[in-house]
Amino acid sequence: MTRAELKKQAKELLKGNRSYGAILTLLIAAVFVVMGIIDPKASFITTAVVGLVVIGPSYAFLQIVDDNKEENIFNALFLGFTNGRFISVFLTYILNWIFITLWTILLIVPGIIKSLSYSQAFYIAKDIVDSGYEVKGTQAINASKELMKGHKMEYFILQLSFLGWILLGFVTLGIGFLWIAPYIQMTNALFYRKLAGDKFLAKETQAEIVEAESGQAAE
């Protein structure tokens, strides 16, 4: 599926879900504000909490793609914490943050490349847990690295294609992001599902995937 087709399908899926996406975005913004007031220096704990909350709506949009929408907006905000996902998602988040930070400290470009390589790890973690397994160690990160081989530039260009929309969001003093952010997240969720299919959801192959990937070390 081409970039234009992905974005067109994302717009189609957003029809009837615009207010849903806007409210989710508004709730995320509220979390940022509250955590900023509580911890203005943005400690690691605050960063982790905000990061996990941001992951929830990403899962909500993936569930819309999968025709399994979480109707309760507050449940959607915390999908990273619920349904047995918390430990797996938290572990993936921490390791992802550590690896990308270390690569970025070395050089900016390798940090960007690795962030693209690991970009699908959180979606993969969700699929693995939803299939009845736990994410072990760097499993989701390694799986993302393999999945993104040959697709990192494609994903990078996809993100760049939203630059005009992001600038528009700033021009509108952030109000535009209530609709722009859901559009970006829906497109990214579609990108993942088109790329991964049901590989990480298929229970009959999940044991082999776990065994093959749990022994790898993230680079």
N, C-alpha and C. Protein backbone atom coordinates (compact mmCIF):
# COMPACT_ATOMS: atom_id res chain seq x y z
N MET A 1 0.84 -1.19 0.00
CA MET A 1 0.00 0.00 0.00
C MET A 1 0.88 1.25 0.00
N THR A 2 0.60 2.18 -0.89
CA THR A 2 1.40 3.39 -1.00
C THR A 2 1.09 4.35 0.15
N ARG A 3 1.97 5.35 0.30
CA ARG A 3 1.77 6.35 1.35
C ARG A 3 0.44 7.08 1.16
N ALA A 4 0.12 7.43 -0.06
CA ALA A 4 -1.14 8.13 -0.35
C ALA A 4 -2.34 7.26 0.01
N GLU A 5 -2.24 5.96 -0.28
CA GLU A 5 -3.34 5.04 0.03
C GLU A 5 -3.51 4.87 1.53
N LEU A 6 -2.39 4.81 2.26
CA LEU A 6 -2.46 4.72 3.72
C LEU A 6 -3.19 5.91 4.31
N LYS A 7 -2.80 7.09 3.84
CA LYS A 7 -3.38 8.32 4.40
C LYS A 7 -4.85 8.46 3.99
N LYS A 8 -5.18 8.00 2.80
CA LYS A 8 -6.58 8.04 2.37
C LYS A 8 -7.43 7.11 3.23
N GLN A 9 -6.91 5.91 3.51
CA GLN A 9 -7.66 4.96 4.34
C GLN A 9 -7.78 5.47 5.77
N ALA A 10 -6.73 6.15 6.25
CA ALA A 10 -6.78 6.72 7.60
C ALA A 10 -7.91 7.74 7.69
N LYS A 11 -8.04 8.57 6.68
CA LYS A 11 -9.11 9.57 6.66
C LYS A 11 -10.48 8.90 6.65
N GLU A 12 -10.59 7.80 5.92
CA GLU A 12 -11.86 7.07 5.87
C GLU A 12 -12.22 6.51 7.25
N LEU A 13 -11.20 5.95 7.92
CA LEU A 13 -11.44 5.37 9.25
C LEU A 13 -11.78 6.43 10.29
N LEU A 14 -11.29 7.65 10.07
CA LEU A 14 -11.56 8.73 11.01
C LEU A 14 -12.98 9.29 10.88
N LYS A 15 -13.63 9.00 9.76
CA LYS A 15 -15.00 9.45 9.61
C LYS A 15 -15.86 8.79 10.68
N GLY A 16 -16.53 9.60 11.44
CA GLY A 16 -17.31 9.06 12.55
C GLY A 16 -16.51 8.89 13.82
N ASN A 17 -15.20 9.10 13.73
CA ASN A 17 -14.34 8.97 14.90
C ASN A 17 -13.55 10.25 15.19
N ARG A 18 -13.94 11.34 14.54
CA ARG A 18 -13.17 12.59 14.71
C ARG A 18 -13.28 13.13 16.14
N SER A 19 -14.49 13.13 16.69
CA SER A 19 -14.64 13.61 18.06
C SER A 19 -13.94 12.68 19.04
N TYR A 20 -13.97 11.39 18.77
CA TYR A 20 -13.28 10.38 19.59
C TYR A 20 -11.79 10.69 19.63
N GLY A 21 -11.20 10.92 18.45
CA GLY A 21 -9.78 11.22 18.37
C GLY A 21 -9.44 12.55 19.00
N ALA A 22 -10.30 13.54 18.81
CA ALA A 22 -10.06 14.87 19.37
C ALA A 22 -10.08 14.84 20.90
N ILE A 23 -11.04 14.09 21.47
CA ILE A 23 -11.12 14.00 22.93
C ILE A 23 -9.91 13.27 23.49
N LEU A 24 -9.47 12.20 22.82
CA LEU A 24 -8.28 11.48 23.24
C LEU A 24 -7.06 12.40 23.25
N THR A 25 -6.92 13.19 22.20
CA THR A 25 -5.80 14.12 22.10
C THR A 25 -5.88 15.16 23.21
N LEU A 26 -7.07 15.63 23.49
CA LEU A 26 -7.26 16.62 24.55
C LEU A 26 -6.91 16.03 25.91
N LEU A 27 -7.28 14.78 26.13
CA LEU A 27 -6.96 14.11 27.39
C LEU A 27 -5.45 13.93 27.56
N ILE A 28 -4.77 13.60 26.47
CA ILE A 28 -3.31 13.48 26.53
C ILE A 28 -2.68 14.81 26.90
N ALA A 29 -3.18 15.88 26.26
CA ALA A 29 -2.66 17.22 26.57
C ALA A 29 -2.88 17.55 28.04
N ALA A 30 -4.03 17.15 28.57
CA ALA A 30 -4.33 17.40 29.98
C ALA A 30 -3.34 16.66 30.88
N VAL A 31 -3.00 15.43 30.50
CA VAL A 31 -2.02 14.65 31.27
C VAL A 31 -0.67 15.35 31.27
N PHE A 32 -0.26 15.86 30.11
CA PHE A 32 1.00 16.60 30.01
C PHE A 32 0.99 17.81 30.95
N VAL A 33 -0.11 18.53 30.95
CA VAL A 33 -0.20 19.73 31.79
C VAL A 33 -0.14 19.36 33.27
N VAL A 34 -0.92 18.36 33.66
CA VAL A 34 -0.97 17.95 35.07
C VAL A 34 0.40 17.45 35.53
N MET A 35 1.03 16.59 34.74
CA MET A 35 2.34 16.07 35.12
C MET A 35 3.39 17.17 35.12
N GLY A 36 3.23 18.16 34.25
CA GLY A 36 4.15 19.29 34.23
C GLY A 36 4.04 20.14 35.49
N ILE A 37 2.82 20.25 36.00
CA ILE A 37 2.60 21.00 37.25
C ILE A 37 3.16 20.22 38.44
N ILE A 38 2.90 18.90 38.45
CA ILE A 38 3.37 18.05 39.55
C ILE A 38 4.89 17.95 39.57
N ASP A 39 5.46 17.79 38.39
CA ASP A 39 6.91 17.58 38.29
C ASP A 39 7.46 18.42 37.14
N PRO A 40 7.66 19.73 37.34
CA PRO A 40 8.11 20.61 36.27
C PRO A 40 9.48 20.25 35.70
N LYS A 41 10.29 19.51 36.46
CA LYS A 41 11.62 19.13 35.97
C LYS A 41 11.58 17.86 35.13
N ALA A 42 10.42 17.29 34.99
CA ALA A 42 10.22 16.11 34.15
C ALA A 42 11.18 14.99 34.51
N SER A 43 11.02 14.44 35.70
CA SER A 43 11.86 13.33 36.15
C SER A 43 11.57 12.10 35.31
N PHE A 44 12.38 11.07 35.51
CA PHE A 44 12.21 9.83 34.74
C PHE A 44 10.83 9.23 34.97
N ILE A 45 10.35 9.26 36.21
CA ILE A 45 9.03 8.70 36.51
C ILE A 45 7.94 9.42 35.73
N THR A 46 8.02 10.74 35.71
CA THR A 46 7.04 11.53 34.95
C THR A 46 7.10 11.20 33.47
N THR A 47 8.31 11.11 32.95
CA THR A 47 8.50 10.77 31.54
C THR A 47 7.91 9.41 31.22
N ALA A 48 8.11 8.45 32.13
CA ALA A 48 7.57 7.11 31.92
C ALA A 48 6.05 7.10 31.94
N VAL A 49 5.46 7.80 32.89
CA VAL A 49 4.00 7.85 33.00
C VAL A 49 3.39 8.48 31.75
N VAL A 50 3.93 9.63 31.35
CA VAL A 50 3.42 10.31 30.16
C VAL A 50 3.59 9.43 28.93
N GLY A 51 4.75 8.77 28.82
CA GLY A 51 5.00 7.90 27.67
C GLY A 51 3.99 6.77 27.58
N LEU A 52 3.69 6.16 28.71
CA LEU A 52 2.74 5.06 28.73
C LEU A 52 1.32 5.53 28.41
N VAL A 53 0.98 6.73 28.87
CA VAL A 53 -0.34 7.28 28.56
C VAL A 53 -0.46 7.57 27.06
N VAL A 54 0.61 8.06 26.46
CA VAL A 54 0.59 8.36 25.02
C VAL A 54 0.43 7.06 24.21
N ILE A 55 0.99 5.96 24.72
CA ILE A 55 0.88 4.68 24.02
C ILE A 55 -0.58 4.21 23.95
N GLY A 56 -1.35 4.50 25.00
CA GLY A 56 -2.75 4.06 25.05
C GLY A 56 -3.56 4.47 23.83
N PRO A 57 -3.60 5.75 23.47
CA PRO A 57 -4.34 6.16 22.28
C PRO A 57 -3.81 5.53 21.00
N SER A 58 -2.49 5.26 20.94
CA SER A 58 -1.95 4.57 19.77
C SER A 58 -2.60 3.20 19.63
N TYR A 59 -2.79 2.54 20.76
CA TYR A 59 -3.46 1.24 20.76
C TYR A 59 -4.94 1.39 20.39
N ALA A 60 -5.53 2.49 20.84
CA ALA A 60 -6.95 2.72 20.54
C ALA A 60 -7.16 2.85 19.04
N PHE A 61 -6.25 3.54 18.36
CA PHE A 61 -6.37 3.70 16.91
C PHE A 61 -6.08 2.38 16.20
N LEU A 62 -5.16 1.60 16.73
CA LEU A 62 -4.90 0.28 16.13
C LEU A 62 -6.13 -0.60 16.26
N GLN A 63 -6.84 -0.48 17.38
CA GLN A 63 -8.06 -1.28 17.55
C GLN A 63 -9.16 -0.84 16.59
N ILE A 64 -9.18 0.44 16.24
CA ILE A 64 -10.13 0.90 15.22
C ILE A 64 -9.77 0.26 13.88
N VAL A 65 -8.47 0.24 13.57
CA VAL A 65 -8.00 -0.40 12.34
C VAL A 65 -8.42 -1.87 12.31
N ASP A 66 -8.34 -2.51 13.48
CA ASP A 66 -8.68 -3.94 13.59
C ASP A 66 -10.17 -4.17 13.78
N ASP A 67 -10.97 -3.11 13.68
CA ASP A 67 -12.42 -3.20 13.86
C ASP A 67 -12.77 -3.73 15.24
N ASN A 68 -12.03 -3.24 16.24
CA ASN A 68 -12.24 -3.65 17.62
C ASN A 68 -12.15 -2.41 18.52
N LYS A 69 -12.90 -1.40 18.20
CA LYS A 69 -12.81 -0.11 18.86
C LYS A 69 -13.16 -0.19 20.35
N GLU A 70 -12.33 0.47 21.16
CA GLU A 70 -12.62 0.64 22.58
C GLU A 70 -13.56 1.84 22.72
N GLU A 71 -14.80 1.58 23.02
CA GLU A 71 -15.80 2.64 23.02
C GLU A 71 -15.63 3.62 24.18
N ASN A 72 -15.18 3.13 25.33
CA ASN A 72 -15.00 4.00 26.49
C ASN A 72 -13.73 4.82 26.31
N ILE A 73 -13.88 6.13 26.22
CA ILE A 73 -12.76 7.01 25.91
C ILE A 73 -11.68 6.98 26.99
N PHE A 74 -12.09 6.83 28.24
CA PHE A 74 -11.11 6.79 29.33
C PHE A 74 -10.36 5.46 29.35
N ASN A 75 -11.06 4.38 29.03
CA ASN A 75 -10.37 3.10 28.88
C ASN A 75 -9.36 3.16 27.75
N ALA A 76 -9.73 3.85 26.67
CA ALA A 76 -8.84 3.98 25.52
C ALA A 76 -7.55 4.72 25.89
N LEU A 77 -7.67 5.71 26.76
CA LEU A 77 -6.50 6.48 27.19
C LEU A 77 -5.49 5.61 27.92
N PHE A 78 -5.98 4.60 28.62
CA PHE A 78 -5.09 3.78 29.45
C PHE A 78 -4.94 2.35 28.93
N LEU A 79 -5.07 2.16 27.63
CA LEU A 79 -4.94 0.82 27.06
C LEU A 79 -3.54 0.24 27.24
N GLY A 80 -2.55 1.10 27.47
CA GLY A 80 -1.20 0.61 27.72
C GLY A 80 -1.06 -0.01 29.09
N PHE A 81 -2.03 0.27 29.97
CA PHE A 81 -1.96 -0.21 31.36
C PHE A 81 -2.87 -1.41 31.61
N THR A 82 -3.84 -1.63 30.73
CA THR A 82 -4.90 -2.60 31.01
C THR A 82 -4.75 -3.89 30.21
N ASN A 83 -5.65 -4.84 30.50
CA ASN A 83 -5.71 -6.13 29.79
C ASN A 83 -4.39 -6.90 29.85
N GLY A 84 -3.68 -6.77 30.98
CA GLY A 84 -2.45 -7.52 31.17
C GLY A 84 -1.26 -7.00 30.40
N ARG A 85 -1.37 -5.76 29.87
CA ARG A 85 -0.30 -5.23 29.02
C ARG A 85 0.76 -4.45 29.79
N PHE A 86 0.46 -4.02 31.01
CA PHE A 86 1.31 -3.04 31.68
C PHE A 86 2.78 -3.46 31.77
N ILE A 87 3.04 -4.65 32.29
CA ILE A 87 4.43 -5.08 32.50
C ILE A 87 5.18 -5.15 31.17
N SER A 88 4.55 -5.77 30.17
CA SER A 88 5.19 -5.92 28.86
C SER A 88 5.43 -4.57 28.20
N VAL A 89 4.43 -3.70 28.26
CA VAL A 89 4.56 -2.38 27.63
C VAL A 89 5.56 -1.53 28.38
N PHE A 90 5.53 -1.58 29.71
CA PHE A 90 6.46 -0.79 30.51
C PHE A 90 7.91 -1.24 30.25
N LEU A 91 8.13 -2.55 30.21
CA LEU A 91 9.47 -3.07 29.94
C LEU A 91 9.94 -2.63 28.56
N THR A 92 9.07 -2.75 27.58
CA THR A 92 9.43 -2.33 26.21
C THR A 92 9.72 -0.84 26.17
N TYR A 93 8.93 -0.05 26.88
CA TYR A 93 9.12 1.41 26.91
C TYR A 93 10.48 1.77 27.51
N ILE A 94 10.81 1.17 28.65
CA ILE A 94 12.07 1.47 29.33
C ILE A 94 13.26 1.09 28.47
N LEU A 95 13.24 -0.12 27.93
CA LEU A 95 14.37 -0.58 27.10
C LEU A 95 14.49 0.25 25.83
N ASN A 96 13.35 0.57 25.22
CA ASN A 96 13.35 1.40 24.01
C ASN A 96 13.96 2.76 24.30
N TRP A 97 13.57 3.36 25.41
CA TRP A 97 14.08 4.67 25.82
C TRP A 97 15.58 4.61 26.07
N ILE A 98 16.03 3.57 26.75
CA ILE A 98 17.46 3.44 27.05
C ILE A 98 18.28 3.28 25.78
N PHE A 99 17.86 2.37 24.90
CA PHE A 99 18.63 2.12 23.69
C PHE A 99 18.71 3.34 22.78
N ILE A 100 17.57 4.01 22.57
CA ILE A 100 17.57 5.17 21.68
C ILE A 100 18.38 6.31 22.29
N THR A 101 18.26 6.49 23.61
CA THR A 101 19.04 7.54 24.28
C THR A 101 20.54 7.29 24.12
N LEU A 102 20.97 6.05 24.33
CA LEU A 102 22.38 5.72 24.21
C LEU A 102 22.89 5.93 22.79
N TRP A 103 22.11 5.50 21.80
CA TRP A 103 22.51 5.69 20.41
C TRP A 103 22.56 7.18 20.06
N THR A 104 21.62 7.95 20.59
CA THR A 104 21.59 9.39 20.30
C THR A 104 22.77 10.11 20.94
N ILE A 105 23.17 9.65 22.14
CA ILE A 105 24.33 10.24 22.80
C ILE A 105 25.58 10.05 21.95
N LEU A 106 25.68 8.87 21.32
CA LEU A 106 26.83 8.60 20.46
C LEU A 106 26.83 9.52 19.25
N LEU A 107 25.74 9.51 18.52
CA LEU A 107 25.58 10.37 17.35
C LEU A 107 24.09 10.52 17.05
N ILE A 108 23.70 11.69 16.55
CA ILE A 108 22.29 11.97 16.29
C ILE A 108 21.72 11.05 15.22
N VAL A 109 22.44 10.89 14.11
CA VAL A 109 21.91 10.09 13.00
C VAL A 109 21.66 8.64 13.39
N PRO A 110 22.62 7.96 14.06
CA PRO A 110 22.32 6.59 14.50
C PRO A 110 21.11 6.53 15.43
N GLY A 111 20.94 7.56 16.26
CA GLY A 111 19.79 7.62 17.14
C GLY A 111 18.48 7.67 16.37
N ILE A 112 18.47 8.46 15.30
CA ILE A 112 17.28 8.55 14.44
C ILE A 112 17.01 7.22 13.76
N ILE A 113 18.07 6.61 13.24
CA ILE A 113 17.92 5.32 12.55
C ILE A 113 17.35 4.26 13.49
N LYS A 114 17.88 4.22 14.71
CA LYS A 114 17.40 3.24 15.67
C LYS A 114 15.96 3.52 16.11
N SER A 115 15.61 4.79 16.22
CA SER A 115 14.23 5.12 16.59
C SER A 115 13.26 4.64 15.51
N LEU A 116 13.69 4.70 14.24
CA LEU A 116 12.87 4.18 13.14
C LEU A 116 12.81 2.66 13.21
N SER A 117 13.95 2.06 13.52
CA SER A 117 14.03 0.61 13.59
C SER A 117 13.14 0.04 14.70
N TYR A 118 13.08 0.75 15.82
CA TYR A 118 12.31 0.28 16.98
C TYR A 118 10.88 0.84 17.01
N SER A 119 10.48 1.57 15.99
CA SER A 119 9.22 2.33 16.01
C SER A 119 7.97 1.47 16.15
N GLN A 120 8.04 0.20 15.78
CA GLN A 120 6.84 -0.65 15.83
C GLN A 120 6.79 -1.52 17.08
N ALA A 121 7.76 -1.33 17.99
CA ALA A 121 7.88 -2.21 19.16
C ALA A 121 6.63 -2.21 20.04
N PHE A 122 6.02 -1.03 20.22
CA PHE A 122 4.86 -0.96 21.12
C PHE A 122 3.64 -1.64 20.52
N TYR A 123 3.46 -1.52 19.22
CA TYR A 123 2.36 -2.24 18.56
C TYR A 123 2.59 -3.74 18.67
N ILE A 124 3.83 -4.16 18.45
CA ILE A 124 4.16 -5.58 18.53
C ILE A 124 3.90 -6.11 19.94
N ALA A 125 4.30 -5.32 20.95
CA ALA A 125 4.07 -5.73 22.34
C ALA A 125 2.58 -5.96 22.59
N LYS A 126 1.75 -5.08 22.07
CA LYS A 126 0.29 -5.23 22.23
C LYS A 126 -0.19 -6.53 21.59
N ASP A 127 0.25 -6.78 20.36
CA ASP A 127 -0.19 -7.98 19.66
C ASP A 127 0.25 -9.25 20.38
N ILE A 128 1.48 -9.25 20.88
CA ILE A 128 1.98 -10.43 21.58
C ILE A 128 1.16 -10.71 22.84
N VAL A 129 0.91 -9.66 23.62
CA VAL A 129 0.12 -9.84 24.86
C VAL A 129 -1.31 -10.24 24.52
N ASP A 130 -1.89 -9.62 23.49
CA ASP A 130 -3.26 -9.95 23.10
C ASP A 130 -3.39 -11.38 22.59
N SER A 131 -2.26 -11.96 22.14
CA SER A 131 -2.30 -13.35 21.67
C SER A 131 -2.10 -14.34 22.81
N GLY A 132 -1.89 -13.80 24.04
CA GLY A 132 -1.80 -14.67 25.21
C GLY A 132 -0.40 -14.90 25.73
N TYR A 133 0.58 -14.13 25.24
CA TYR A 133 1.95 -14.30 25.68
C TYR A 133 2.45 -13.01 26.33
N GLU A 134 3.54 -13.14 27.10
CA GLU A 134 4.18 -11.97 27.68
C GLU A 134 5.40 -11.60 26.84
N VAL A 135 5.70 -10.32 26.80
CA VAL A 135 6.90 -9.85 26.11
C VAL A 135 8.07 -10.05 27.05
N LYS A 136 9.09 -10.72 26.57
CA LYS A 136 10.27 -11.00 27.39
C LYS A 136 11.46 -10.18 26.91
N GLY A 137 12.05 -9.43 27.84
CA GLY A 137 13.25 -8.67 27.53
C GLY A 137 13.09 -7.75 26.33
N THR A 138 14.00 -7.89 25.39
CA THR A 138 14.01 -7.02 24.21
C THR A 138 13.23 -7.63 23.04
N GLN A 139 12.37 -8.57 23.33
CA GLN A 139 11.67 -9.30 22.27
C GLN A 139 10.93 -8.39 21.29
N ALA A 140 10.12 -7.46 21.81
CA ALA A 140 9.34 -6.59 20.92
C ALA A 140 10.26 -5.65 20.14
N ILE A 141 11.33 -5.18 20.76
CA ILE A 141 12.28 -4.29 20.09
C ILE A 141 13.00 -5.04 18.97
N ASN A 142 13.45 -6.27 19.26
CA ASN A 142 14.11 -7.07 18.24
C ASN A 142 13.16 -7.39 17.08
N ALA A 143 11.91 -7.68 17.43
CA ALA A 143 10.93 -7.99 16.40
C ALA A 143 10.68 -6.78 15.52
N SER A 144 10.63 -5.58 16.12
CA SER A 144 10.46 -4.35 15.36
C SER A 144 11.65 -4.12 14.43
N LYS A 145 12.84 -4.39 14.94
CA LYS A 145 14.06 -4.22 14.15
C LYS A 145 14.01 -5.10 12.89
N GLU A 146 13.55 -6.35 13.06
CA GLU A 146 13.44 -7.26 11.93
C GLU A 146 12.34 -6.81 10.98
N LEU A 147 11.21 -6.41 11.55
CA LEU A 147 10.06 -6.00 10.75
C LEU A 147 10.37 -4.78 9.88
N MET A 148 11.19 -3.87 10.42
CA MET A 148 11.47 -2.61 9.73
C MET A 148 12.62 -2.68 8.74
N LYS A 149 13.24 -3.83 8.62
CA LYS A 149 14.31 -3.97 7.63
C LYS A 149 13.76 -3.69 6.24
N GLY A 150 14.35 -2.73 5.56
CA GLY A 150 13.88 -2.36 4.23
C GLY A 150 12.70 -1.40 4.22
N HIS A 151 12.24 -1.00 5.42
CA HIS A 151 11.07 -0.12 5.51
C HIS A 151 11.34 1.16 6.31
N LYS A 152 12.56 1.31 6.81
CA LYS A 152 12.85 2.49 7.65
C LYS A 152 12.72 3.79 6.87
N MET A 153 13.24 3.85 5.65
CA MET A 153 13.13 5.07 4.85
C MET A 153 11.68 5.35 4.50
N GLU A 154 10.94 4.30 4.19
CA GLU A 154 9.51 4.42 3.88
C GLU A 154 8.77 5.07 5.05
N TYR A 155 9.07 4.59 6.26
CA TYR A 155 8.41 5.12 7.46
C TYR A 155 8.87 6.55 7.74
N PHE A 156 10.15 6.81 7.52
CA PHE A 156 10.70 8.15 7.74
C PHE A 156 10.02 9.17 6.81
N ILE A 157 9.87 8.81 5.55
CA ILE A 157 9.21 9.70 4.59
C ILE A 157 7.75 9.90 4.95
N LEU A 158 7.12 8.83 5.45
CA LEU A 158 5.72 8.94 5.89
C LEU A 158 5.60 9.99 7.00
N GLN A 159 6.53 9.96 7.96
CA GLN A 159 6.49 10.94 9.05
C GLN A 159 6.77 12.35 8.53
N LEU A 160 7.70 12.48 7.58
CA LEU A 160 7.99 13.79 7.00
C LEU A 160 6.78 14.35 6.26
N SER A 161 5.96 13.48 5.71
CA SER A 161 4.80 13.93 4.94
C SER A 161 3.77 14.65 5.82
N PHE A 162 3.90 14.51 7.15
CA PHE A 162 2.98 15.19 8.07
C PHE A 162 3.52 16.56 8.51
N LEU A 163 4.70 16.94 8.03
CA LEU A 163 5.33 18.17 8.49
C LEU A 163 4.44 19.39 8.27
N GLY A 164 3.81 19.47 7.11
CA GLY A 164 2.92 20.61 6.82
C GLY A 164 1.76 20.67 7.80
N TRP A 165 1.19 19.50 8.11
CA TRP A 165 0.08 19.44 9.06
C TRP A 165 0.54 19.86 10.46
N ILE A 166 1.74 19.43 10.84
CA ILE A 166 2.27 19.78 12.16
C ILE A 166 2.48 21.28 12.26
N LEU A 167 3.01 21.88 11.20
CA LEU A 167 3.19 23.34 11.19
C LEU A 167 1.85 24.05 11.31
N LEU A 168 0.84 23.49 10.63
CA LEU A 168 -0.51 24.05 10.72
C LEU A 168 -1.03 23.97 12.15
N GLY A 169 -0.70 22.88 12.83
CA GLY A 169 -1.11 22.73 14.22
C GLY A 169 -0.54 23.82 15.10
N PHE A 170 0.73 24.18 14.87
CA PHE A 170 1.35 25.25 15.64
C PHE A 170 0.77 26.62 15.29
N VAL A 171 0.48 26.81 14.00
CA VAL A 171 -0.10 28.07 13.55
C VAL A 171 -1.44 28.32 14.20
N THR A 172 -2.19 27.24 14.43
CA THR A 172 -3.52 27.36 15.06
C THR A 172 -3.42 27.32 16.58
N LEU A 173 -2.22 27.56 17.09
CA LEU A 173 -1.97 27.60 18.55
C LEU A 173 -2.31 26.27 19.22
N GLY A 174 -2.10 25.20 18.49
CA GLY A 174 -2.29 23.87 19.04
C GLY A 174 -3.68 23.29 18.86
N ILE A 175 -4.64 24.14 18.53
CA ILE A 175 -6.02 23.64 18.39
C ILE A 175 -6.14 22.63 17.26
N GLY A 176 -5.40 22.86 16.18
CA GLY A 176 -5.45 21.95 15.04
C GLY A 176 -5.00 20.54 15.35
N PHE A 177 -4.18 20.39 16.39
CA PHE A 177 -3.69 19.06 16.74
C PHE A 177 -4.79 18.14 17.24
N LEU A 178 -5.92 18.70 17.64
CA LEU A 178 -7.04 17.87 18.06
C LEU A 178 -7.51 16.96 16.93
N TRP A 179 -7.28 17.38 15.68
CA TRP A 179 -7.64 16.58 14.52
C TRP A 179 -6.42 16.05 13.78
N ILE A 180 -5.32 16.77 13.86
CA ILE A 180 -4.09 16.34 13.17
C ILE A 180 -3.47 15.13 13.85
N ALA A 181 -3.38 15.16 15.18
CA ALA A 181 -2.76 14.05 15.91
C ALA A 181 -3.47 12.71 15.64
N PRO A 182 -4.82 12.66 15.69
CA PRO A 182 -5.50 11.40 15.37
C PRO A 182 -5.23 10.92 13.94
N TYR A 183 -5.13 11.86 13.02
CA TYR A 183 -4.84 11.52 11.62
C TYR A 183 -3.47 10.85 11.51
N ILE A 184 -2.48 11.40 12.20
CA ILE A 184 -1.13 10.83 12.19
C ILE A 184 -1.12 9.46 12.85
N GLN A 185 -1.79 9.36 14.01
CA GLN A 185 -1.78 8.10 14.74
C GLN A 185 -2.52 7.00 13.99
N MET A 186 -3.62 7.36 13.33
CA MET A 186 -4.36 6.37 12.55
C MET A 186 -3.52 5.87 11.38
N THR A 187 -2.83 6.79 10.73
CA THR A 187 -1.97 6.40 9.60
C THR A 187 -0.85 5.48 10.07
N ASN A 188 -0.25 5.81 11.20
CA ASN A 188 0.83 4.98 11.73
C ASN A 188 0.33 3.59 12.14
N ALA A 189 -0.87 3.54 12.70
CA ALA A 189 -1.46 2.25 13.07
C ALA A 189 -1.72 1.40 11.82
N LEU A 190 -2.18 2.04 10.77
CA LEU A 190 -2.40 1.34 9.50
C LEU A 190 -1.08 0.84 8.92
N PHE A 191 -0.05 1.67 9.00
CA PHE A 191 1.27 1.28 8.51
C PHE A 191 1.71 -0.01 9.19
N TYR A 192 1.57 -0.06 10.51
CA TYR A 192 1.97 -1.25 11.25
C TYR A 192 1.16 -2.47 10.83
N ARG A 193 -0.17 -2.32 10.80
CA ARG A 193 -1.00 -3.49 10.51
C ARG A 193 -0.77 -4.01 9.10
N LYS A 194 -0.56 -3.11 8.13
CA LYS A 194 -0.28 -3.53 6.77
C LYS A 194 1.07 -4.23 6.68
N LEU A 195 2.02 -3.77 7.47
CA LEU A 195 3.36 -4.34 7.44
C LEU A 195 3.44 -5.67 8.20
N ALA A 196 2.84 -5.72 9.39
CA ALA A 196 2.95 -6.90 10.24
C ALA A 196 1.86 -7.94 10.00
N GLY A 197 0.70 -7.47 9.51
CA GLY A 197 -0.41 -8.39 9.38
C GLY A 197 -0.77 -8.98 10.73
N ASP A 198 -1.04 -10.28 10.77
CA ASP A 198 -1.38 -10.93 12.05
C ASP A 198 -0.23 -11.79 12.57
N LYS A 199 0.99 -11.50 12.10
CA LYS A 199 2.15 -12.31 12.50
C LYS A 199 2.28 -12.44 14.00
N PHE A 200 2.09 -11.34 14.72
CA PHE A 200 2.29 -11.35 16.17
C PHE A 200 1.00 -11.63 16.94
N LEU A 201 -0.07 -11.87 16.18
CA LEU A 201 -1.35 -12.22 16.79
C LEU A 201 -1.65 -13.71 16.65
N ALA A 202 -0.98 -14.36 15.70
CA ALA A 202 -1.27 -15.76 15.41
C ALA A 202 -0.75 -16.67 16.51
N LYS A 203 -1.63 -17.24 17.28
CA LYS A 203 -1.22 -18.07 18.42
C LYS A 203 -0.44 -19.31 17.99
N GLU A 204 -0.78 -19.82 16.81
CA GLU A 204 -0.12 -21.05 16.38
C GLU A 204 1.35 -20.83 16.03
N THR A 205 1.73 -19.56 15.79
CA THR A 205 3.14 -19.29 15.48
C THR A 205 3.83 -18.48 16.57
N GLN A 206 3.07 -18.05 17.58
CA GLN A 206 3.64 -17.16 18.59
C GLN A 206 4.75 -17.82 19.40
N ALA A 207 4.60 -19.08 19.74
CA ALA A 207 5.62 -19.77 20.52
C ALA A 207 6.96 -19.78 19.78
N GLU A 208 6.92 -20.02 18.47
CA GLU A 208 8.15 -20.03 17.69
C GLU A 208 8.77 -18.64 17.63
N ILE A 209 7.92 -17.61 17.52
CA ILE A 209 8.41 -16.23 17.47
C ILE A 209 9.08 -15.87 18.78
N VAL A 210 8.44 -16.23 19.89
CA VAL A 210 9.00 -15.94 21.21
C VAL A 210 10.37 -16.61 21.37
N GLU A 211 10.43 -17.89 21.00
CA GLU A 211 11.67 -18.63 21.16
C GLU A 211 12.79 -18.07 20.30
N ALA A 212 12.45 -17.68 19.07
CA ALA A 212 13.46 -17.19 18.14
C ALA A 212 13.98 -15.82 18.52
N GLU A 213 13.11 -14.98 19.07
CA GLU A 213 13.48 -13.59 19.28
C GLU A 213 13.93 -13.28 20.71
N SER A 214 13.53 -14.11 21.68
CA SER A 214 13.87 -13.81 23.06
C SER A 214 15.37 -13.92 23.34
N GLY A 215 16.06 -14.67 22.50
CA GLY A 215 17.49 -14.83 22.72
C GLY A 215 18.33 -13.78 22.03
N GLN A 216 17.72 -12.91 21.24
CA GLN A 216 18.47 -11.89 20.53
C GLN A 216 18.72 -10.69 21.44
N ALA A 217 19.76 -9.95 21.16
CA ALA A 217 20.07 -8.71 21.90
C ALA A 217 19.84 -7.53 21.00
N ALA A 218 19.18 -6.52 21.51
CA ALA A 218 18.93 -5.32 20.70
C ALA A 218 20.25 -4.62 20.44
N GLU A 219 20.38 -4.08 19.21
CA GLU A 219 21.59 -3.36 18.85
C GLU A 219 21.38 -1.87 18.95
